[in-house]
Amino acid sequence: KGFLETTAKELHASLDINVAGLFHVAQ
């Protein structure tokens, strides 16, 4: 959805799934 409609919580959730998820799997 548009940037102005995207919440910080949604950004953090996306980062958690995609980046932190890989980080934890790799560890």
mmCIF file of all heavy atoms, coordinates in Angstrom:
data_MODEL
# 
_entry.id   MODEL 
# 
loop_
_atom_site.group_PDB 
_atom_site.id 
_atom_site.type_symbol 
_atom_site.label_atom_id 
_atom_site.label_alt_id 
_atom_site.label_comp_id 
_atom_site.label_asym_id 
_atom_site.label_entity_id 
_atom_site.label_seq_id 
_atom_site.pdbx_PDB_ins_code 
_atom_site.Cartn_x 
_atom_site.Cartn_y 
_atom_site.Cartn_z 
_atom_site.occupancy 
_atom_site.B_iso_or_equiv 
_atom_site.pdbx_formal_charge 
_atom_site.auth_seq_id 
_atom_site.auth_comp_id 
_atom_site.auth_asym_id 
_atom_site.auth_atom_id 
_atom_site.pdbx_PDB_model_num 
ATOM 1   N N   . LYS A 1 1  ? 0.858  -1.186  0.000  1.00 0.00 ? 1  LYS A N   1 
ATOM 2   C CA  . LYS A 1 1  ? 0.000  0.000   0.000  1.00 0.00 ? 1  LYS A CA  1 
ATOM 3   C C   . LYS A 1 1  ? 0.889  1.230   0.000  1.00 0.00 ? 1  LYS A C   1 
ATOM 4   O O   . LYS A 1 1  ? 2.106  1.124   0.175  1.00 0.00 ? 1  LYS A O   1 
ATOM 5   C CB  . LYS A 1 1  ? -0.963 -0.018  1.182  1.00 0.00 ? 1  LYS A CB  1 
ATOM 6   C CG  . LYS A 1 1  ? -0.353 -0.100  2.551  1.00 0.00 ? 1  LYS A CG  1 
ATOM 7   C CD  . LYS A 1 1  ? -1.474 -0.277  3.588  1.00 0.00 ? 1  LYS A CD  1 
ATOM 8   C CE  . LYS A 1 1  ? -0.977 -0.266  4.995  1.00 0.00 ? 1  LYS A CE  1 
ATOM 9   N NZ  . LYS A 1 1  ? -2.053 -0.433  5.962  1.00 0.00 ? 1  LYS A NZ  1 
ATOM 10  N N   . GLY A 1 2  ? 0.278  2.366   -0.216 1.00 0.00 ? 2  GLY A N   1 
ATOM 11  C CA  . GLY A 1 2  ? 1.039  3.601   -0.313 1.00 0.00 ? 2  GLY A CA  1 
ATOM 12  C C   . GLY A 1 2  ? 1.892  3.863   0.912  1.00 0.00 ? 2  GLY A C   1 
ATOM 13  O O   . GLY A 1 2  ? 1.558  3.454   2.030  1.00 0.00 ? 2  GLY A O   1 
ATOM 14  N N   . PHE A 1 3  ? 2.996  4.558   0.692  1.00 0.00 ? 3  PHE A N   1 
ATOM 15  C CA  . PHE A 1 3  ? 3.924  4.858   1.777  1.00 0.00 ? 3  PHE A CA  1 
ATOM 16  C C   . PHE A 1 3  ? 3.234  5.597   2.922  1.00 0.00 ? 3  PHE A C   1 
ATOM 17  O O   . PHE A 1 3  ? 3.430  5.254   4.086  1.00 0.00 ? 3  PHE A O   1 
ATOM 18  C CB  . PHE A 1 3  ? 5.104  5.692   1.242  1.00 0.00 ? 3  PHE A CB  1 
ATOM 19  C CG  . PHE A 1 3  ? 6.014  6.169   2.327  1.00 0.00 ? 3  PHE A CG  1 
ATOM 20  C CD1 . PHE A 1 3  ? 6.921  5.297   2.912  1.00 0.00 ? 3  PHE A CD1 1 
ATOM 21  C CD2 . PHE A 1 3  ? 5.956  7.474   2.780  1.00 0.00 ? 3  PHE A CD2 1 
ATOM 22  C CE1 . PHE A 1 3  ? 7.757  5.728   3.937  1.00 0.00 ? 3  PHE A CE1 1 
ATOM 23  C CE2 . PHE A 1 3  ? 6.782  7.920   3.800  1.00 0.00 ? 3  PHE A CE2 1 
ATOM 24  C CZ  . PHE A 1 3  ? 7.688  7.042   4.380  1.00 0.00 ? 3  PHE A CZ  1 
ATOM 25  N N   . LEU A 1 4  ? 2.429  6.592   2.608  1.00 0.00 ? 4  LEU A N   1 
ATOM 26  C CA  . LEU A 1 4  ? 1.789  7.385   3.665  1.00 0.00 ? 4  LEU A CA  1 
ATOM 27  C C   . LEU A 1 4  ? 0.740  6.594   4.438  1.00 0.00 ? 4  LEU A C   1 
ATOM 28  O O   . LEU A 1 4  ? 0.397  6.966   5.559  1.00 0.00 ? 4  LEU A O   1 
ATOM 29  C CB  . LEU A 1 4  ? 1.179  8.659   3.071  1.00 0.00 ? 4  LEU A CB  1 
ATOM 30  C CG  . LEU A 1 4  ? 2.198  9.644   2.483  1.00 0.00 ? 4  LEU A CG  1 
ATOM 31  C CD1 . LEU A 1 4  ? 1.470  10.831  1.852  1.00 0.00 ? 4  LEU A CD1 1 
ATOM 32  C CD2 . LEU A 1 4  ? 3.187  10.111  3.546  1.00 0.00 ? 4  LEU A CD2 1 
ATOM 33  N N   . GLU A 1 5  ? 0.261  5.504   3.870  1.00 0.00 ? 5  GLU A N   1 
ATOM 34  C CA  . GLU A 1 5  ? -0.701 4.648   4.565  1.00 0.00 ? 5  GLU A CA  1 
ATOM 35  C C   . GLU A 1 5  ? -0.008 3.507   5.334  1.00 0.00 ? 5  GLU A C   1 
ATOM 36  O O   . GLU A 1 5  ? -0.639 2.806   6.111  1.00 0.00 ? 5  GLU A O   1 
ATOM 37  C CB  . GLU A 1 5  ? -1.700 4.041   3.578  1.00 0.00 ? 5  GLU A CB  1 
ATOM 38  C CG  . GLU A 1 5  ? -2.685 5.037   2.985  1.00 0.00 ? 5  GLU A CG  1 
ATOM 39  C CD  . GLU A 1 5  ? -2.071 5.943   1.932  1.00 0.00 ? 5  GLU A CD  1 
ATOM 40  O OE1 . GLU A 1 5  ? -1.362 5.445   1.043  1.00 0.00 ? 5  GLU A OE1 1 
ATOM 41  O OE2 . GLU A 1 5  ? -2.292 7.169   2.024  1.00 0.00 ? 5  GLU A OE2 1 
ATOM 42  N N   . THR A 1 6  ? 1.286  3.295   5.082  1.00 0.00 ? 6  THR A N   1 
ATOM 43  C CA  . THR A 1 6  ? 2.036  2.215   5.734  1.00 0.00 ? 6  THR A CA  1 
ATOM 44  C C   . THR A 1 6  ? 2.462  2.662   7.122  1.00 0.00 ? 6  THR A C   1 
ATOM 45  O O   . THR A 1 6  ? 3.002  3.757   7.299  1.00 0.00 ? 6  THR A O   1 
ATOM 46  C CB  . THR A 1 6  ? 3.275  1.840   4.892  1.00 0.00 ? 6  THR A CB  1 
ATOM 47  O OG1 . THR A 1 6  ? 2.849  1.475   3.582  1.00 0.00 ? 6  THR A OG1 1 
ATOM 48  C CG2 . THR A 1 6  ? 4.031  0.688   5.518  1.00 0.00 ? 6  THR A CG2 1 
ATOM 49  N N   . THR A 1 7  ? 2.218  1.808   8.101  1.00 0.00 ? 7  THR A N   1 
ATOM 50  C CA  . THR A 1 7  ? 2.592  2.141   9.475  1.00 0.00 ? 7  THR A CA  1 
ATOM 51  C C   . THR A 1 7  ? 3.986  1.618   9.803  1.00 0.00 ? 7  THR A C   1 
ATOM 52  O O   . THR A 1 7  ? 4.498  0.704   9.155  1.00 0.00 ? 7  THR A O   1 
ATOM 53  C CB  . THR A 1 7  ? 1.594  1.524   10.480 1.00 0.00 ? 7  THR A CB  1 
ATOM 54  O OG1 . THR A 1 7  ? 1.731  0.099   10.436 1.00 0.00 ? 7  THR A OG1 1 
ATOM 55  C CG2 . THR A 1 7  ? 0.161  1.938   10.174 1.00 0.00 ? 7  THR A CG2 1 
ATOM 56  N N   . ALA A 1 8  ? 4.575  2.193   10.824 1.00 0.00 ? 8  ALA A N   1 
ATOM 57  C CA  . ALA A 1 8  ? 5.876  1.720   11.301 1.00 0.00 ? 8  ALA A CA  1 
ATOM 58  C C   . ALA A 1 8  ? 5.771  0.263   11.755 1.00 0.00 ? 8  ALA A C   1 
ATOM 59  O O   . ALA A 1 8  ? 6.699  -0.532  11.540 1.00 0.00 ? 8  ALA A O   1 
ATOM 60  C CB  . ALA A 1 8  ? 6.377  2.603   12.445 1.00 0.00 ? 8  ALA A CB  1 
ATOM 61  N N   . LYS A 1 9  ? 4.647  -0.100  12.347 1.00 0.00 ? 9  LYS A N   1 
ATOM 62  C CA  . LYS A 1 9  ? 4.441  -1.490  12.775 1.00 0.00 ? 9  LYS A CA  1 
ATOM 63  C C   . LYS A 1 9  ? 4.483  -2.436  11.578 1.00 0.00 ? 9  LYS A C   1 
ATOM 64  O O   . LYS A 1 9  ? 5.068  -3.524  11.655 1.00 0.00 ? 9  LYS A O   1 
ATOM 65  C CB  . LYS A 1 9  ? 3.102  -1.603  13.515 1.00 0.00 ? 9  LYS A CB  1 
ATOM 66  C CG  . LYS A 1 9  ? 2.829  -2.963  14.084 1.00 0.00 ? 9  LYS A CG  1 
ATOM 67  C CD  . LYS A 1 9  ? 1.526  -2.973  14.874 1.00 0.00 ? 9  LYS A CD  1 
ATOM 68  C CE  . LYS A 1 9  ? 1.273  -4.359  15.428 1.00 0.00 ? 9  LYS A CE  1 
ATOM 69  N NZ  . LYS A 1 9  ? 0.071  -4.417  16.247 1.00 0.00 ? 9  LYS A NZ  1 
ATOM 70  N N   . GLU A 1 10 ? 3.883  -2.027  10.452 1.00 0.00 ? 10 GLU A N   1 
ATOM 71  C CA  . GLU A 1 10 ? 3.905  -2.864  9.247  1.00 0.00 ? 10 GLU A CA  1 
ATOM 72  C C   . GLU A 1 10 ? 5.314  -2.972  8.670  1.00 0.00 ? 10 GLU A C   1 
ATOM 73  O O   . GLU A 1 10 ? 5.728  -4.038  8.203  1.00 0.00 ? 10 GLU A O   1 
ATOM 74  C CB  . GLU A 1 10 ? 2.938  -2.301  8.205  1.00 0.00 ? 10 GLU A CB  1 
ATOM 75  C CG  . GLU A 1 10 ? 1.482  -2.483  8.604  1.00 0.00 ? 10 GLU A CG  1 
ATOM 76  C CD  . GLU A 1 10 ? 0.531  -1.684  7.738  1.00 0.00 ? 10 GLU A CD  1 
ATOM 77  O OE1 . GLU A 1 10 ? 0.878  -0.563  7.278  1.00 0.00 ? 10 GLU A OE1 1 
ATOM 78  O OE2 . GLU A 1 10 ? -0.594 -2.182  7.529  1.00 0.00 ? 10 GLU A OE2 1 
ATOM 79  N N   . LEU A 1 11 ? 6.069  -1.881  8.707  1.00 0.00 ? 11 LEU A N   1 
ATOM 80  C CA  . LEU A 1 11 ? 7.465  -1.927  8.264  1.00 0.00 ? 11 LEU A CA  1 
ATOM 81  C C   . LEU A 1 11 ? 8.255  -2.901  9.122  1.00 0.00 ? 11 LEU A C   1 
ATOM 82  O O   . LEU A 1 11 ? 8.977  -3.764  8.605  1.00 0.00 ? 11 LEU A O   1 
ATOM 83  C CB  . LEU A 1 11 ? 8.110  -0.538  8.316  1.00 0.00 ? 11 LEU A CB  1 
ATOM 84  C CG  . LEU A 1 11 ? 9.624  -0.535  8.068  1.00 0.00 ? 11 LEU A CG  1 
ATOM 85  C CD1 . LEU A 1 11 ? 9.952  -0.966  6.650  1.00 0.00 ? 11 LEU A CD1 1 
ATOM 86  C CD2 . LEU A 1 11 ? 10.193 0.841   8.376  1.00 0.00 ? 11 LEU A CD2 1 
ATOM 87  N N   . HIS A 1 12 ? 8.123  -2.798  10.424 1.00 0.00 ? 12 HIS A N   1 
ATOM 88  C CA  . HIS A 1 12 ? 8.863  -3.684  11.335 1.00 0.00 ? 12 HIS A CA  1 
ATOM 89  C C   . HIS A 1 12 ? 8.469  -5.144  11.142 1.00 0.00 ? 12 HIS A C   1 
ATOM 90  O O   . HIS A 1 12 ? 9.328  -6.032  11.184 1.00 0.00 ? 12 HIS A O   1 
ATOM 91  C CB  . HIS A 1 12 ? 8.686  -3.246  12.791 1.00 0.00 ? 12 HIS A CB  1 
ATOM 92  C CG  . HIS A 1 12 ? 9.394  -1.968  13.098 1.00 0.00 ? 12 HIS A CG  1 
ATOM 93  N ND1 . HIS A 1 12 ? 10.771 -1.882  13.210 1.00 0.00 ? 12 HIS A ND1 1 
ATOM 94  C CD2 . HIS A 1 12 ? 8.925  -0.723  13.280 1.00 0.00 ? 12 HIS A CD2 1 
ATOM 95  C CE1 . HIS A 1 12 ? 11.118 -0.633  13.462 1.00 0.00 ? 12 HIS A CE1 1 
ATOM 96  N NE2 . HIS A 1 12 ? 10.011 0.092   13.506 1.00 0.00 ? 12 HIS A NE2 1 
ATOM 97  N N   . ALA A 1 13 ? 7.194  -5.397  10.905 1.00 0.00 ? 13 ALA A N   1 
ATOM 98  C CA  . ALA A 1 13 ? 6.751  -6.773  10.661 1.00 0.00 ? 13 ALA A CA  1 
ATOM 99  C C   . ALA A 1 13 ? 7.383  -7.322  9.377  1.00 0.00 ? 13 ALA A C   1 
ATOM 100 O O   . ALA A 1 13 ? 7.835  -8.468  9.341  1.00 0.00 ? 13 ALA A O   1 
ATOM 101 C CB  . ALA A 1 13 ? 5.228  -6.844  10.576 1.00 0.00 ? 13 ALA A CB  1 
ATOM 102 N N   . SER A 1 14 ? 7.447  -6.519  8.331  1.00 0.00 ? 14 SER A N   1 
ATOM 103 C CA  . SER A 1 14 ? 8.072  -6.942  7.078  1.00 0.00 ? 14 SER A CA  1 
ATOM 104 C C   . SER A 1 14 ? 9.555  -7.235  7.283  1.00 0.00 ? 14 SER A C   1 
ATOM 105 O O   . SER A 1 14 ? 10.085 -8.235  6.782  1.00 0.00 ? 14 SER A O   1 
ATOM 106 C CB  . SER A 1 14 ? 7.907  -5.868  5.999  1.00 0.00 ? 14 SER A CB  1 
ATOM 107 O OG  . SER A 1 14 ? 6.563  -5.734  5.640  1.00 0.00 ? 14 SER A OG  1 
ATOM 108 N N   . LEU A 1 15 ? 10.233 -6.371  8.023  1.00 0.00 ? 15 LEU A N   1 
ATOM 109 C CA  . LEU A 1 15 ? 11.654 -6.585  8.318  1.00 0.00 ? 15 LEU A CA  1 
ATOM 110 C C   . LEU A 1 15 ? 11.861 -7.826  9.177  1.00 0.00 ? 15 LEU A C   1 
ATOM 111 O O   . LEU A 1 15 ? 12.806 -8.595  8.957  1.00 0.00 ? 15 LEU A O   1 
ATOM 112 C CB  . LEU A 1 15 ? 12.252 -5.351  8.990  1.00 0.00 ? 15 LEU A CB  1 
ATOM 113 C CG  . LEU A 1 15 ? 12.342 -4.102  8.116  1.00 0.00 ? 15 LEU A CG  1 
ATOM 114 C CD1 . LEU A 1 15 ? 12.682 -2.880  8.963  1.00 0.00 ? 15 LEU A CD1 1 
ATOM 115 C CD2 . LEU A 1 15 ? 13.352 -4.288  6.996  1.00 0.00 ? 15 LEU A CD2 1 
ATOM 116 N N   . ASP A 1 16 ? 10.979 -8.034  10.149 1.00 0.00 ? 16 ASP A N   1 
ATOM 117 C CA  . ASP A 1 16 ? 11.097 -9.209  11.022 1.00 0.00 ? 16 ASP A CA  1 
ATOM 118 C C   . ASP A 1 16 ? 10.963 -10.503 10.227 1.00 0.00 ? 16 ASP A C   1 
ATOM 119 O O   . ASP A 1 16 ? 11.732 -11.446 10.421 1.00 0.00 ? 16 ASP A O   1 
ATOM 120 C CB  . ASP A 1 16 ? 10.038 -9.181  12.128 1.00 0.00 ? 16 ASP A CB  1 
ATOM 121 C CG  . ASP A 1 16 ? 10.388 -8.223  13.258 1.00 0.00 ? 16 ASP A CG  1 
ATOM 122 O OD1 . ASP A 1 16 ? 11.546 -7.767  13.319 1.00 0.00 ? 16 ASP A OD1 1 
ATOM 123 O OD2 . ASP A 1 16 ? 9.497  -7.937  14.073 1.00 0.00 ? 16 ASP A OD2 1 
ATOM 124 N N   . ILE A 1 17 ? 9.998  -10.574 9.344  1.00 0.00 ? 17 ILE A N   1 
ATOM 125 C CA  . ILE A 1 17 ? 9.775  -11.793 8.560  1.00 0.00 ? 17 ILE A CA  1 
ATOM 126 C C   . ILE A 1 17 ? 10.930 -12.036 7.604  1.00 0.00 ? 17 ILE A C   1 
ATOM 127 O O   . ILE A 1 17 ? 11.487 -13.135 7.546  1.00 0.00 ? 17 ILE A O   1 
ATOM 128 C CB  . ILE A 1 17 ? 8.447  -11.699 7.777  1.00 0.00 ? 17 ILE A CB  1 
ATOM 129 C CG1 . ILE A 1 17 ? 7.261  -11.717 8.726  1.00 0.00 ? 17 ILE A CG1 1 
ATOM 130 C CG2 . ILE A 1 17 ? 8.341  -12.834 6.759  1.00 0.00 ? 17 ILE A CG2 1 
ATOM 131 C CD1 . ILE A 1 17 ? 5.949  -11.307 8.079  1.00 0.00 ? 17 ILE A CD1 1 
ATOM 132 N N   . ASN A 1 18 ? 11.306 -11.027 6.848  1.00 0.00 ? 18 ASN A N   1 
ATOM 133 C CA  . ASN A 1 18 ? 12.255 -11.205 5.760  1.00 0.00 ? 18 ASN A CA  1 
ATOM 134 C C   . ASN A 1 18 ? 13.711 -11.165 6.196  1.00 0.00 ? 18 ASN A C   1 
ATOM 135 O O   . ASN A 1 18 ? 14.507 -11.997 5.757  1.00 0.00 ? 18 ASN A O   1 
ATOM 136 C CB  . ASN A 1 18 ? 11.997 -10.157 4.676  1.00 0.00 ? 18 ASN A CB  1 
ATOM 137 C CG  . ASN A 1 18 ? 10.673 -10.379 3.987  1.00 0.00 ? 18 ASN A CG  1 
ATOM 138 O OD1 . ASN A 1 18 ? 10.554 -11.245 3.145  1.00 0.00 ? 18 ASN A OD1 1 
ATOM 139 N ND2 . ASN A 1 18 ? 9.652  -9.616  4.359  1.00 0.00 ? 18 ASN A ND2 1 
ATOM 140 N N   . VAL A 1 19 ? 14.089 -10.208 7.016  1.00 0.00 ? 19 VAL A N   1 
ATOM 141 C CA  . VAL A 1 19 ? 15.491 -10.060 7.404  1.00 0.00 ? 19 VAL A CA  1 
ATOM 142 C C   . VAL A 1 19 ? 15.795 -10.825 8.693  1.00 0.00 ? 19 VAL A C   1 
ATOM 143 O O   . VAL A 1 19 ? 16.688 -11.684 8.712  1.00 0.00 ? 19 VAL A O   1 
ATOM 144 C CB  . VAL A 1 19 ? 15.870 -8.567  7.555  1.00 0.00 ? 19 VAL A CB  1 
ATOM 145 C CG1 . VAL A 1 19 ? 17.341 -8.423  7.926  1.00 0.00 ? 19 VAL A CG1 1 
ATOM 146 C CG2 . VAL A 1 19 ? 15.572 -7.802  6.280  1.00 0.00 ? 19 VAL A CG2 1 
ATOM 147 N N   . ALA A 1 20 ? 15.056 -10.543 9.742  1.00 0.00 ? 20 ALA A N   1 
ATOM 148 C CA  . ALA A 1 20 ? 15.328 -11.233 11.006 1.00 0.00 ? 20 ALA A CA  1 
ATOM 149 C C   . ALA A 1 20 ? 15.059 -12.728 10.880 1.00 0.00 ? 20 ALA A C   1 
ATOM 150 O O   . ALA A 1 20 ? 15.775 -13.547 11.476 1.00 0.00 ? 20 ALA A O   1 
ATOM 151 C CB  . ALA A 1 20 ? 14.494 -10.627 12.139 1.00 0.00 ? 20 ALA A CB  1 
ATOM 152 N N   . GLY A 1 21 ? 14.055 -13.106 10.082 1.00 0.00 ? 21 GLY A N   1 
ATOM 153 C CA  . GLY A 1 21 ? 13.792 -14.534 9.872  1.00 0.00 ? 21 GLY A CA  1 
ATOM 154 C C   . GLY A 1 21 ? 14.998 -15.237 9.296  1.00 0.00 ? 21 GLY A C   1 
ATOM 155 O O   . GLY A 1 21 ? 15.420 -16.294 9.790  1.00 0.00 ? 21 GLY A O   1 
ATOM 156 N N   . LEU A 1 22 ? 15.602 -14.667 8.246  1.00 0.00 ? 22 LEU A N   1 
ATOM 157 C CA  . LEU A 1 22 ? 16.807 -15.258 7.663  1.00 0.00 ? 22 LEU A CA  1 
ATOM 158 C C   . LEU A 1 22 ? 17.962 -15.255 8.659  1.00 0.00 ? 22 LEU A C   1 
ATOM 159 O O   . LEU A 1 22 ? 18.702 -16.227 8.763  1.00 0.00 ? 22 LEU A O   1 
ATOM 160 C CB  . LEU A 1 22 ? 17.202 -14.509 6.379  1.00 0.00 ? 22 LEU A CB  1 
ATOM 161 C CG  . LEU A 1 22 ? 18.524 -14.938 5.749  1.00 0.00 ? 22 LEU A CG  1 
ATOM 162 C CD1 . LEU A 1 22 ? 18.543 -16.432 5.421  1.00 0.00 ? 22 LEU A CD1 1 
ATOM 163 C CD2 . LEU A 1 22 ? 18.823 -14.090 4.524  1.00 0.00 ? 22 LEU A CD2 1 
ATOM 164 N N   . PHE A 1 23 ? 18.108 -14.182 9.392  1.00 0.00 ? 23 PHE A N   1 
ATOM 165 C CA  . PHE A 1 23 ? 19.161 -14.079 10.406 1.00 0.00 ? 23 PHE A CA  1 
ATOM 166 C C   . PHE A 1 23 ? 19.076 -15.245 11.390 1.00 0.00 ? 23 PHE A C   1 
ATOM 167 O O   . PHE A 1 23 ? 20.069 -15.935 11.657 1.00 0.00 ? 23 PHE A O   1 
ATOM 168 C CB  . PHE A 1 23 ? 19.037 -12.736 11.137 1.00 0.00 ? 23 PHE A CB  1 
ATOM 169 C CG  . PHE A 1 23 ? 20.069 -12.524 12.198 1.00 0.00 ? 23 PHE A CG  1 
ATOM 170 C CD1 . PHE A 1 23 ? 21.293 -11.959 11.873 1.00 0.00 ? 23 PHE A CD1 1 
ATOM 171 C CD2 . PHE A 1 23 ? 19.817 -12.872 13.514 1.00 0.00 ? 23 PHE A CD2 1 
ATOM 172 C CE1 . PHE A 1 23 ? 22.257 -11.751 12.861 1.00 0.00 ? 23 PHE A CE1 1 
ATOM 173 C CE2 . PHE A 1 23 ? 20.767 -12.678 14.498 1.00 0.00 ? 23 PHE A CE2 1 
ATOM 174 C CZ  . PHE A 1 23 ? 21.992 -12.109 14.176 1.00 0.00 ? 23 PHE A CZ  1 
ATOM 175 N N   . HIS A 1 24 ? 17.882 -15.486 11.918 1.00 0.00 ? 24 HIS A N   1 
ATOM 176 C CA  . HIS A 1 24 ? 17.711 -16.559 12.912 1.00 0.00 ? 24 HIS A CA  1 
ATOM 177 C C   . HIS A 1 24 ? 17.904 -17.944 12.302 1.00 0.00 ? 24 HIS A C   1 
ATOM 178 O O   . HIS A 1 24 ? 18.507 -18.825 12.926 1.00 0.00 ? 24 HIS A O   1 
ATOM 179 C CB  . HIS A 1 24 ? 16.343 -16.442 13.585 1.00 0.00 ? 24 HIS A CB  1 
ATOM 180 C CG  . HIS A 1 24 ? 16.212 -15.199 14.416 1.00 0.00 ? 24 HIS A CG  1 
ATOM 181 N ND1 . HIS A 1 24 ? 17.013 -14.933 15.504 1.00 0.00 ? 24 HIS A ND1 1 
ATOM 182 C CD2 . HIS A 1 24 ? 15.379 -14.129 14.284 1.00 0.00 ? 24 HIS A CD2 1 
ATOM 183 C CE1 . HIS A 1 24 ? 16.681 -13.761 16.029 1.00 0.00 ? 24 HIS A CE1 1 
ATOM 184 N NE2 . HIS A 1 24 ? 15.695 -13.261 15.302 1.00 0.00 ? 24 HIS A NE2 1 
ATOM 185 N N   . VAL A 1 25 ? 17.406 -18.146 11.098 1.00 0.00 ? 25 VAL A N   1 
ATOM 186 C CA  . VAL A 1 25 ? 17.585 -19.437 10.419 1.00 0.00 ? 25 VAL A CA  1 
ATOM 187 C C   . VAL A 1 25 ? 19.074 -19.690 10.179 1.00 0.00 ? 25 VAL A C   1 
ATOM 188 O O   . VAL A 1 25 ? 19.581 -20.792 10.435 1.00 0.00 ? 25 VAL A O   1 
ATOM 189 C CB  . VAL A 1 25 ? 16.780 -19.492 9.109  1.00 0.00 ? 25 VAL A CB  1 
ATOM 190 C CG1 . VAL A 1 25 ? 17.216 -20.654 8.229  1.00 0.00 ? 25 VAL A CG1 1 
ATOM 191 C CG2 . VAL A 1 25 ? 15.284 -19.580 9.420  1.00 0.00 ? 25 VAL A CG2 1 
ATOM 192 N N   . ALA A 1 26 ? 19.783 -18.679 9.715  1.00 0.00 ? 26 ALA A N   1 
ATOM 193 C CA  . ALA A 1 26 ? 21.220 -18.839 9.465  1.00 0.00 ? 26 ALA A CA  1 
ATOM 194 C C   . ALA A 1 26 ? 21.979 -19.138 10.750 1.00 0.00 ? 26 ALA A C   1 
ATOM 195 O O   . ALA A 1 26 ? 22.883 -19.993 10.765 1.00 0.00 ? 26 ALA A O   1 
ATOM 196 C CB  . ALA A 1 26 ? 21.770 -17.583 8.784  1.00 0.00 ? 26 ALA A CB  1 
ATOM 197 N N   . GLN A 1 27 ? 21.629 -18.477 11.824 1.00 0.00 ? 27 GLN A N   1 
ATOM 198 C CA  . GLN A 1 27 ? 22.305 -18.757 13.098 1.00 0.00 ? 27 GLN A CA  1 
ATOM 199 C C   . GLN A 1 27 ? 22.058 -20.180 13.579 1.00 0.00 ? 27 GLN A C   1 
ATOM 200 O O   . GLN A 1 27 ? 22.916 -20.779 14.209 1.00 0.00 ? 27 GLN A O   1 
ATOM 201 C CB  . GLN A 1 27 ? 21.871 -17.754 14.168 1.00 0.00 ? 27 GLN A CB  1 
ATOM 202 C CG  . GLN A 1 27 ? 22.540 -16.417 13.990 1.00 0.00 ? 27 GLN A CG  1 
ATOM 203 C CD  . GLN A 1 27 ? 22.508 -15.589 15.255 1.00 0.00 ? 27 GLN A CD  1 
ATOM 204 O OE1 . GLN A 1 27 ? 21.570 -15.664 16.053 1.00 0.00 ? 27 GLN A OE1 1 
ATOM 205 N NE2 . GLN A 1 27 ? 23.534 -14.788 15.440 1.00 0.00 ? 27 GLN A NE2 1 
# 
